[in-house]
Amino acid sequence: MTPSSSTIIRVEVVCPPSAKILCGAKEGDHFTLEGEMLYLPPGQGISIYSLSSVLPLLQLNSAALRQTIG
């Protein structure tokens, strides 16, 4: 997959005011999925449990976007 044809998906932590966030995440934490590569901002981590919960959704979204884009 070339950079120009990569599917780019950004996943960001969004939380209602005063709600407790688990797994060490903070409001605004995010990662970007470009093609098959996952990128985190410098100094930011992600819980493997949080990541495992969204991986199936990322695969479905990537496939759907690739079909839509062509």
Protein backbone atom coordinates (compact mmCIF):
# COMPACT_ATOMS: atom_id res chain seq x y z
CA MET A 1 0.00 0.00 0.00
CA THR A 2 1.51 3.34 -1.01
CA PRO A 3 1.24 6.40 1.24
CA SER A 4 -1.15 8.09 -1.19
CA SER A 5 -3.54 5.12 -1.12
CA SER A 6 -3.33 4.44 2.63
CA THR A 7 -6.45 4.55 4.72
CA ILE A 8 -5.98 6.93 7.67
CA ILE A 9 -8.10 6.53 10.80
CA ARG A 10 -7.68 8.60 13.99
CA VAL A 11 -9.02 7.22 17.28
CA GLU A 12 -9.32 9.70 20.16
CA VAL A 13 -10.37 9.33 23.81
CA VAL A 14 -13.60 11.25 24.43
CA CYS A 15 -15.16 11.20 27.88
CA PRO A 16 -18.14 12.95 29.51
CA PRO A 17 -17.15 15.65 32.03
CA SER A 18 -16.25 14.26 35.47
CA ALA A 19 -16.41 10.63 34.27
CA LYS A 20 -13.60 8.32 35.34
CA ILE A 21 -11.36 6.97 32.57
CA LEU A 22 -9.67 3.63 33.22
CA CYS A 23 -6.47 2.04 31.88
CA GLY A 24 -4.37 5.21 32.25
CA ALA A 25 -5.97 7.05 29.32
CA LYS A 26 -6.61 10.80 29.36
CA GLU A 27 -9.13 12.92 27.47
CA GLY A 28 -7.63 13.73 24.07
CA ASP A 29 -5.21 10.77 23.97
CA HIS A 30 -5.21 9.39 20.45
CA PHE A 31 -3.55 7.17 17.92
CA THR A 32 -3.57 7.12 14.14
CA LEU A 33 -3.85 4.06 11.95
CA GLU A 34 -2.26 4.61 8.53
CA GLY A 35 -2.73 1.54 6.39
CA GLU A 36 -1.49 -1.24 8.66
CA MET A 37 0.76 0.96 10.83
CA LEU A 38 -0.39 2.31 14.22
CA TYR A 39 1.20 5.58 15.40
CA LEU A 40 1.11 7.15 18.87
CA PRO A 41 2.26 10.70 19.68
CA PRO A 42 5.67 10.88 21.41
CA GLY A 43 5.45 10.05 25.11
CA GLN A 44 1.94 8.60 24.94
CA GLY A 45 1.16 4.95 25.60
CA ILE A 46 -1.92 2.81 25.18
CA SER A 47 -3.25 -0.01 27.31
CA ILE A 48 -3.16 -3.38 25.54
CA TYR A 49 -6.67 -4.00 26.88
CA SER A 50 -8.00 -0.77 25.36
CA LEU A 51 -6.26 -1.52 22.08
CA SER A 52 -7.60 -5.08 21.94
CA SER A 53 -11.15 -3.78 22.36
CA VAL A 54 -10.95 -1.53 19.28
CA LEU A 55 -8.86 -3.71 16.93
CA PRO A 56 -11.86 -5.55 15.42
CA LEU A 57 -13.58 -2.21 14.74
CA LEU A 58 -10.45 -0.79 13.12
CA GLN A 59 -10.22 -3.75 10.77
CA LEU A 60 -13.86 -3.34 9.73
CA ASN A 61 -13.53 0.43 9.26
CA SER A 62 -10.32 0.05 7.24
CA ALA A 63 -11.90 -2.50 4.93
CA ALA A 64 -15.05 -0.41 4.45
CA LEU A 65 -13.05 2.75 3.71
CA ARG A 66 -10.81 0.96 1.20
CA GLN A 67 -13.89 -0.30 -0.66
CA THR A 68 -15.44 3.18 -0.66
CA ILE A 69 -12.24 4.94 -1.77
CA GLY A 70 -11.56 2.42 -4.45
